[in-house]
Amino acid sequence: MRTDLKVLRVKNKLTQQQLADKLGVSVVTYNLIEQGKRQGSKDFWFKLQQLFKLADGELWQLYINN
């Protein structure tokens, strides 16, 4: 599970559905990424970085933290 991704989502008071909508993916896809069962596209990670204004290092931690 990508615990840090879930923490980021909850800290920003977003449901999986709300964040999935903001990132342009289905809630099922988002859920699988958060669980670490899918990697997510480059576009997904870029949108996440832009949405939360994450530095490259912060984004990398979210990506690799399975």
Protein backbone atom coordinates (compact mmCIF):
# COMPACT_ATOMS: atom_id res chain seq x y z
CA MET A 1 0.00 0.00 0.00
CA ARG A 2 1.18 3.49 -0.77
CA THR A 3 0.55 4.77 2.72
CA ASP A 4 2.00 8.21 2.01
CA LEU A 5 -0.37 8.67 -0.92
CA LYS A 6 -3.33 7.85 1.30
CA VAL A 7 -2.04 10.20 4.02
CA LEU A 8 -1.71 13.01 1.46
CA ARG A 9 -5.28 12.41 0.28
CA VAL A 10 -6.77 12.27 3.78
CA LYS A 11 -4.73 15.27 4.96
CA ASN A 12 -6.33 17.26 2.14
CA LYS A 13 -9.79 15.97 3.12
CA LEU A 14 -10.42 14.23 -0.19
CA THR A 15 -12.20 10.97 -0.80
CA GLN A 16 -10.77 8.54 -3.31
CA GLN A 17 -13.57 9.52 -5.69
CA GLN A 18 -12.84 13.24 -5.35
CA LEU A 19 -9.13 12.80 -5.97
CA ALA A 20 -9.74 10.40 -8.84
CA ASP A 21 -11.99 13.00 -10.47
CA LYS A 22 -9.33 15.71 -10.06
CA LEU A 23 -6.70 13.43 -11.60
CA GLY A 24 -8.92 12.25 -14.46
CA VAL A 25 -8.94 8.56 -13.55
CA SER A 26 -11.64 6.21 -12.35
CA VAL A 27 -11.99 5.59 -8.64
CA VAL A 28 -11.12 1.93 -9.28
CA THR A 29 -7.86 2.94 -10.95
CA TYR A 30 -7.04 5.39 -8.18
CA ASN A 31 -7.78 2.76 -5.53
CA LEU A 32 -5.44 0.26 -7.21
CA ILE A 33 -2.66 2.87 -7.38
CA GLU A 34 -3.13 3.80 -3.72
CA GLN A 35 -3.01 0.11 -2.80
CA GLY A 36 0.20 -0.32 -4.78
CA LYS A 37 -1.38 -2.79 -7.20
CA ARG A 38 -0.91 -0.48 -10.21
CA GLN A 39 1.87 1.95 -10.99
CA GLY A 40 -0.13 4.78 -12.52
CA SER A 41 0.72 6.61 -15.71
CA LYS A 42 3.20 9.45 -16.06
CA ASP A 43 0.21 11.71 -16.61
CA PHE A 44 -1.34 10.57 -13.31
CA TRP A 45 1.83 11.37 -11.36
CA PHE A 46 2.34 14.68 -13.15
CA LYS A 47 -1.22 15.78 -12.36
CA LEU A 48 -0.78 14.70 -8.72
CA GLN A 49 2.43 16.71 -8.49
CA GLN A 50 0.76 19.79 -9.96
CA LEU A 51 -2.36 19.47 -7.81
CA PHE A 52 -0.46 19.29 -4.52
CA LYS A 53 2.55 21.38 -5.62
CA LEU A 54 4.95 18.58 -4.73
CA ALA A 55 8.71 18.78 -5.18
CA ASP A 56 10.26 16.05 -7.32
CA GLY A 57 11.63 14.31 -4.22
CA GLU A 58 8.24 14.26 -2.53
CA LEU A 59 6.64 12.83 -5.66
CA TRP A 60 9.32 10.15 -5.93
CA GLN A 61 8.66 9.08 -2.32
CA LEU A 62 4.96 8.69 -3.08
CA TYR A 63 5.75 6.70 -6.20
CA ILE A 64 8.17 4.22 -4.65
CA ASN A 65 6.49 3.85 -1.25
CA ASN A 66 4.72 0.53 -1.82
